[in-house]
Amino acid sequence: MKINKHFLLALPFYLIFIFFFIIPLILTIIVSFWDYTEYSIIPDFIFDNYKYIFNKCFKFSTDLCVTFKTYLSTFYFCFMAWFFTLIIGFTVAYFLVFHVRSVGMQIVLFLICTIPFWTSNVIRMISWIPLLGRNGLFNSFLISTGVIDEPQEWFLYSHFSVILAFVHLYTLFMIVPIFNSLIRIDKSLIEAAYDSGANGFQILTNIIIPLCKPGIIIGSIFVITVVMGDFLTIGIMGGQQIASIGKIIQVEMSYLQLPSAAANAVILLIITLLLIWTMTKFIDIRKEL
């Protein structure tokens, strides 16, 4: 039997995909139906882990269940991180493409954007603590200039600090694909629009943003995927006081409640894949990648 050479070329990628995605995913799904005690994990096929997650969630009452509250918190951080990284990422990419004429300078400025990635996420998050803390530089500056009378507690270990850290960590994931889409735009289209009497806002909304849509979608997929499962940033910058689905999974794993953590992971994965699937309906993802 003759083996297709294209299959052989793609075989290493198939193997990587199978061993590092398909098999772990199958094992996670299997473990999510197992039972467990304080001391052991029992192979079984039960739905108790899923029932526990959604316990009292579908009863008609004014208070949301813990699971829904946690998902709302996760969606809130996800949306805020996506919104601000999109605004900043598009602005930076637009400036690099349309206002920096020299290719060499574009490369230099682009490399400057990557400097934060030369250090680990933990170090970058911890670096905010001396700035935002009660006796940090930011509070000290505002007090010395008379803007505030006493230190503000909400700068650190709050929703503000978590969102700030997300934007700091993941804006580059939005800049790169948007820059890649903007650099492909034929400049003659913009010149023709100017010659036809269009103003800058009309060109931005009718030409640049529609042609940049693939980069926006791909960047959004990167940011949303990372933020949905993040627990480290929320744990450090939230002072271990803010809930998220990733944080719940991490806590359950630390207490060796692996079946329950696996059930939460499966639900989180399904929701994340649905979000990605919805976004990919707006572009041809294969063509763009």
Protein backbone atom coordinates (compact mmCIF):
# COMPACT_ATOMS: atom_id res chain seq x y z
CA MET A 1 0.00 0.00 0.00
CA LYS A 2 1.39 3.35 -1.06
CA ILE A 3 1.56 5.97 1.69
CA ASN A 4 0.71 9.54 0.77
CA LYS A 5 3.78 11.76 1.19
CA HIS A 6 1.60 14.61 2.41
CA PHE A 7 0.39 12.36 5.24
CA LEU A 8 3.98 11.60 6.22
CA LEU A 9 4.82 15.30 6.29
CA ALA A 10 1.82 15.98 8.52
CA LEU A 11 2.37 12.90 10.73
CA PRO A 12 4.53 14.66 13.38
CA PHE A 13 1.82 17.30 13.82
CA TYR A 14 -0.86 14.61 14.08
CA LEU A 15 1.15 12.84 16.77
CA ILE A 16 1.72 16.03 18.75
CA PHE A 17 -1.99 16.86 18.52
CA ILE A 18 -3.01 13.36 19.62
CA PHE A 19 -0.57 12.99 22.53
CA PHE A 20 -0.78 16.53 23.90
CA PHE A 21 -4.46 17.33 23.28
CA ILE A 22 -6.69 14.40 22.38
CA ILE A 23 -5.37 11.89 24.96
CA PRO A 24 -5.27 14.36 27.90
CA LEU A 25 -8.75 15.55 26.94
CA ILE A 26 -10.13 12.01 26.89
CA LEU A 27 -8.50 11.24 30.24
CA THR A 28 -9.96 14.42 31.75
CA ILE A 29 -13.45 13.48 30.56
CA ILE A 30 -13.08 9.97 31.96
CA VAL A 31 -11.83 11.16 35.35
CA SER A 32 -14.70 13.67 35.58
CA PHE A 33 -17.10 10.71 36.03
CA TRP A 34 -15.05 9.04 38.76
CA ASP A 35 -15.83 9.11 42.46
CA TYR A 36 -13.46 10.23 45.20
CA THR A 37 -13.06 10.40 48.94
CA GLU A 38 -10.74 12.37 51.17
CA TYR A 39 -8.03 9.77 50.68
CA SER A 40 -8.58 8.10 47.33
CA ILE A 41 -9.94 8.30 43.79
CA ILE A 42 -12.39 5.57 42.81
CA PRO A 43 -12.82 4.62 39.11
CA ASP A 44 -16.55 4.73 38.48
CA PHE A 45 -19.20 6.20 36.19
CA ILE A 46 -21.29 8.68 38.15
CA PHE A 47 -22.71 12.13 37.49
CA ASP A 48 -22.33 13.37 41.06
CA ASN A 49 -19.46 15.72 40.18
CA TYR A 50 -21.58 17.54 37.62
CA LYS A 51 -24.64 17.51 39.89
CA TYR A 52 -22.57 19.08 42.66
CA ILE A 53 -21.32 21.83 40.35
CA PHE A 54 -24.85 22.84 39.35
CA ASN A 55 -26.43 22.20 42.74
CA LYS A 56 -29.34 24.65 43.29
CA CYS A 57 -28.43 26.48 40.06
CA PHE A 58 -31.70 25.84 38.26
CA LYS A 59 -34.05 26.68 41.10
CA PHE A 60 -36.05 29.87 40.65
CA SER A 61 -34.76 32.25 43.29
CA THR A 62 -33.34 35.74 43.52
CA ASP A 63 -29.84 34.56 44.44
CA LEU A 64 -27.59 32.94 41.88
CA CYS A 65 -25.80 29.73 42.78
CA VAL A 66 -22.07 29.74 43.44
CA THR A 67 -21.27 28.25 40.03
CA PHE A 68 -23.18 30.92 38.10
CA LYS A 69 -21.68 33.69 40.24
CA THR A 70 -18.21 32.32 39.57
CA TYR A 71 -18.82 32.11 35.83
CA LEU A 72 -20.20 35.66 35.80
CA SER A 73 -17.03 36.81 37.55
CA THR A 74 -14.91 34.92 35.00
CA PHE A 75 -16.89 36.39 32.07
CA TYR A 76 -16.53 39.86 33.56
CA PHE A 77 -12.74 39.63 33.70
CA CYS A 78 -12.70 38.02 30.27
CA PHE A 79 -14.76 40.82 28.72
CA MET A 80 -12.83 43.64 30.40
CA ALA A 81 -9.47 42.13 29.45
CA TRP A 82 -10.67 41.59 25.87
CA PHE A 83 -12.06 45.13 25.59
CA PHE A 84 -8.98 46.96 26.85
CA THR A 85 -6.47 44.74 25.05
CA LEU A 86 -8.45 45.27 21.83
CA ILE A 87 -8.47 49.06 22.19
CA ILE A 88 -4.79 49.26 23.12
CA GLY A 89 -3.71 46.54 20.68
CA PHE A 90 -5.52 48.11 17.73
CA THR A 91 -4.18 51.58 18.57
CA VAL A 92 -0.58 50.38 18.83
CA ALA A 93 -0.81 48.25 15.67
CA TYR A 94 -2.47 51.10 13.75
CA PHE A 95 0.29 53.50 14.81
CA LEU A 96 3.04 51.08 13.80
CA VAL A 97 1.53 50.42 10.36
CA PHE A 98 0.21 53.81 9.26
CA HIS A 99 2.31 56.34 11.18
CA VAL A 100 5.75 54.70 11.25
CA ARG A 101 7.06 54.82 7.70
CA SER A 102 10.42 53.16 8.21
CA VAL A 103 10.38 49.36 8.28
CA GLY A 104 13.42 49.37 10.53
CA MET A 105 11.70 51.63 13.05
CA GLN A 106 8.60 49.43 12.91
CA ILE A 107 10.74 46.45 13.86
CA VAL A 108 12.43 48.38 16.70
CA LEU A 109 9.12 49.57 18.15
CA PHE A 110 7.61 46.12 17.73
CA LEU A 111 10.51 44.59 19.66
CA ILE A 112 9.99 47.17 22.42
CA CYS A 113 6.43 45.85 22.77
CA THR A 114 7.87 42.38 23.40
CA ILE A 115 10.22 43.49 26.22
CA PRO A 116 7.74 42.57 29.01
CA PHE A 117 7.76 39.00 27.70
CA TRP A 118 11.45 38.69 28.51
CA THR A 119 10.46 38.09 32.14
CA SER A 120 7.99 35.63 33.64
CA ASN A 121 4.34 36.41 34.27
CA VAL A 122 4.81 36.15 38.03
CA ILE A 123 7.59 38.74 38.08
CA ARG A 124 5.55 41.11 35.93
CA MET A 125 2.57 40.78 38.27
CA ILE A 126 4.62 41.16 41.45
CA SER A 127 6.17 44.34 40.00
CA TRP A 128 2.78 46.04 40.32
CA ILE A 129 2.59 45.49 44.10
CA PRO A 130 5.16 48.19 45.08
CA LEU A 131 3.36 50.59 42.72
CA LEU A 132 -0.27 49.95 43.70
CA GLY A 133 0.06 49.00 47.39
CA ARG A 134 -1.26 51.10 50.25
CA ASN A 135 2.19 52.60 50.77
CA GLY A 136 3.18 52.18 47.13
CA LEU A 137 4.55 54.75 44.72
CA PHE A 138 1.20 55.50 43.12
CA ASN A 139 -0.57 56.26 46.40
CA SER A 140 2.43 58.25 47.63
CA PHE A 141 2.45 60.35 44.45
CA LEU A 142 -1.28 61.10 44.63
CA ILE A 143 -1.03 62.08 48.30
CA SER A 144 2.01 64.29 47.71
CA THR A 145 0.25 66.10 44.85
CA GLY A 146 -2.92 66.58 46.92
CA VAL A 147 -5.16 64.51 44.64
CA ILE A 148 -6.18 62.25 47.55
CA ASP A 149 -5.99 62.68 51.32
CA GLU A 150 -5.39 59.05 52.31
CA PRO A 151 -4.14 55.87 50.58
CA GLN A 152 -6.67 54.09 48.38
CA GLU A 153 -7.15 50.39 49.09
CA TRP A 154 -8.78 49.50 45.75
CA PHE A 155 -5.61 49.95 43.70
CA LEU A 156 -4.35 46.53 44.77
CA TYR A 157 -6.00 43.18 45.48
CA SER A 158 -9.14 44.25 43.66
CA HIS A 159 -10.94 43.88 40.34
CA PHE A 160 -8.98 46.90 39.12
CA SER A 161 -5.59 45.32 39.77
CA VAL A 162 -6.66 42.01 38.18
CA ILE A 163 -7.84 43.72 34.99
CA LEU A 164 -4.70 45.88 34.92
CA ALA A 165 -2.53 42.77 35.15
CA PHE A 166 -4.48 41.00 32.39
CA VAL A 167 -4.09 43.98 30.08
CA HIS A 168 -0.39 44.21 30.89
CA LEU A 169 0.18 40.51 30.29
CA TYR A 170 -1.89 39.85 27.18
CA THR A 171 -2.05 43.01 25.09
CA LEU A 172 0.74 41.71 22.87
CA PHE A 173 -1.46 38.73 21.95
CA MET A 174 -3.82 41.29 20.40
CA ILE A 175 -1.16 43.52 18.84
CA VAL A 176 0.54 40.80 16.78
CA PRO A 177 -2.45 39.46 14.78
CA ILE A 178 -3.94 42.93 14.28
CA PHE A 179 -0.58 44.23 13.07
CA ASN A 180 -0.36 41.27 10.69
CA SER A 181 -3.80 42.11 9.24
CA LEU A 182 -3.14 45.85 8.98
CA ILE A 183 0.18 45.39 7.22
CA ARG A 184 -1.62 43.46 4.45
CA ILE A 185 -4.00 46.30 3.62
CA ASP A 186 -3.27 47.82 0.24
CA LYS A 187 -2.42 51.49 0.90
CA SER A 188 -3.84 52.41 -2.52
CA LEU A 189 -7.34 51.64 -1.17
CA ILE A 190 -6.90 54.29 1.50
CA GLU A 191 -5.52 56.79 -1.01
CA ALA A 192 -8.45 56.13 -3.31
CA ALA A 193 -10.86 56.68 -0.41
CA TYR A 194 -9.21 60.01 0.39
CA ASP A 195 -9.40 61.04 -3.26
CA SER A 196 -13.11 60.18 -3.24
CA GLY A 197 -13.71 62.59 -0.35
CA ALA A 198 -13.84 60.17 2.58
CA ASN A 199 -12.64 61.47 5.92
CA GLY A 200 -10.42 59.63 8.39
CA PHE A 201 -13.28 58.24 10.45
CA GLN A 202 -15.07 56.86 7.38
CA ILE A 203 -11.86 55.20 6.17
CA LEU A 204 -11.31 53.69 9.60
CA THR A 205 -14.83 52.27 9.93
CA ASN A 206 -15.48 51.28 6.31
CA ILE A 207 -12.06 50.08 5.14
CA ILE A 208 -9.50 49.51 7.88
CA ILE A 209 -11.63 47.82 10.56
CA PRO A 210 -13.46 45.45 8.12
CA LEU A 211 -10.15 44.41 6.52
CA CYS A 212 -8.61 44.06 9.98
CA LYS A 213 -11.40 41.78 11.22
CA PRO A 214 -9.36 38.54 10.89
CA GLY A 215 -6.62 39.96 13.12
CA ILE A 216 -9.17 41.17 15.66
CA ILE A 217 -10.86 37.76 15.79
CA ILE A 218 -7.59 35.82 16.10
CA GLY A 219 -6.32 38.18 18.81
CA SER A 220 -9.64 37.86 20.63
CA ILE A 221 -9.37 34.07 20.54
CA PHE A 222 -5.89 34.23 22.07
CA VAL A 223 -6.90 36.62 24.87
CA ILE A 224 -10.24 34.99 25.73
CA THR A 225 -8.76 31.48 25.75
CA VAL A 226 -5.99 32.46 28.16
CA VAL A 227 -8.11 34.61 30.49
CA MET A 228 -10.95 32.07 30.78
CA GLY A 229 -8.70 29.50 32.44
CA ASP A 230 -6.35 31.87 34.27
CA PHE A 231 -5.95 31.36 38.01
CA LEU A 232 -2.46 32.69 38.72
CA THR A 233 -3.15 36.32 37.84
CA ILE A 234 -6.46 36.41 39.71
CA GLY A 235 -4.86 34.70 42.70
CA ILE A 236 -1.89 37.07 42.99
CA MET A 237 -3.47 40.37 41.95
CA GLY A 238 -6.79 39.59 43.64
CA GLY A 239 -5.18 38.69 46.96
CA GLN A 240 -6.69 35.19 46.82
CA GLN A 241 -10.09 36.80 47.44
CA ILE A 242 -11.66 36.85 43.96
CA ALA A 243 -13.31 33.78 42.50
CA SER A 244 -12.92 32.40 39.00
CA ILE A 245 -13.41 29.03 37.39
CA GLY A 246 -9.68 28.55 36.91
CA LYS A 247 -9.12 29.35 40.59
CA ILE A 248 -11.74 26.78 41.65
CA ILE A 249 -10.09 24.10 39.51
CA GLN A 250 -6.67 24.95 40.95
CA VAL A 251 -7.97 24.73 44.54
CA GLU A 252 -9.71 21.41 43.88
CA MET A 253 -6.52 19.98 42.41
CA SER A 254 -4.50 21.17 45.39
CA TYR A 255 -6.87 19.21 47.65
CA LEU A 256 -6.63 16.19 45.31
CA GLN A 257 -10.31 16.45 44.34
CA LEU A 258 -9.33 15.50 40.83
CA PRO A 259 -12.71 14.19 39.56
CA SER A 260 -14.44 17.39 40.62
CA ALA A 261 -11.66 19.49 39.08
CA ALA A 262 -11.93 17.45 35.87
CA ALA A 263 -15.70 18.05 35.71
CA ASN A 264 -15.17 21.79 36.10
CA ALA A 265 -12.45 21.67 33.46
CA VAL A 266 -14.74 19.88 30.99
CA ILE A 267 -17.48 22.49 31.46
CA LEU A 268 -14.98 25.33 31.11
CA LEU A 269 -13.55 23.73 27.97
CA ILE A 270 -17.00 23.37 26.40
CA ILE A 271 -17.86 27.02 27.09
CA THR A 272 -14.49 28.21 25.77
CA LEU A 273 -14.81 26.10 22.61
CA LEU A 274 -18.31 27.49 22.03
CA LEU A 275 -16.95 31.03 22.29
CA ILE A 276 -14.12 30.22 19.87
CA TRP A 277 -16.51 28.47 17.47
CA THR A 278 -18.77 31.53 17.49
CA MET A 279 -15.88 33.87 16.72
CA THR A 280 -14.54 31.66 13.91
CA LYS A 281 -17.89 32.01 12.12
CA PHE A 282 -16.89 35.59 11.24
CA ILE A 283 -13.68 34.65 9.40
CA ASP A 284 -12.07 31.79 7.49
CA ILE A 285 -9.60 30.75 10.18
CA ARG A 286 -7.79 28.27 7.91
CA LYS A 287 -7.11 30.97 5.33
CA GLU A 288 -5.77 33.37 7.92
CA LEU A 289 -3.47 30.84 9.64
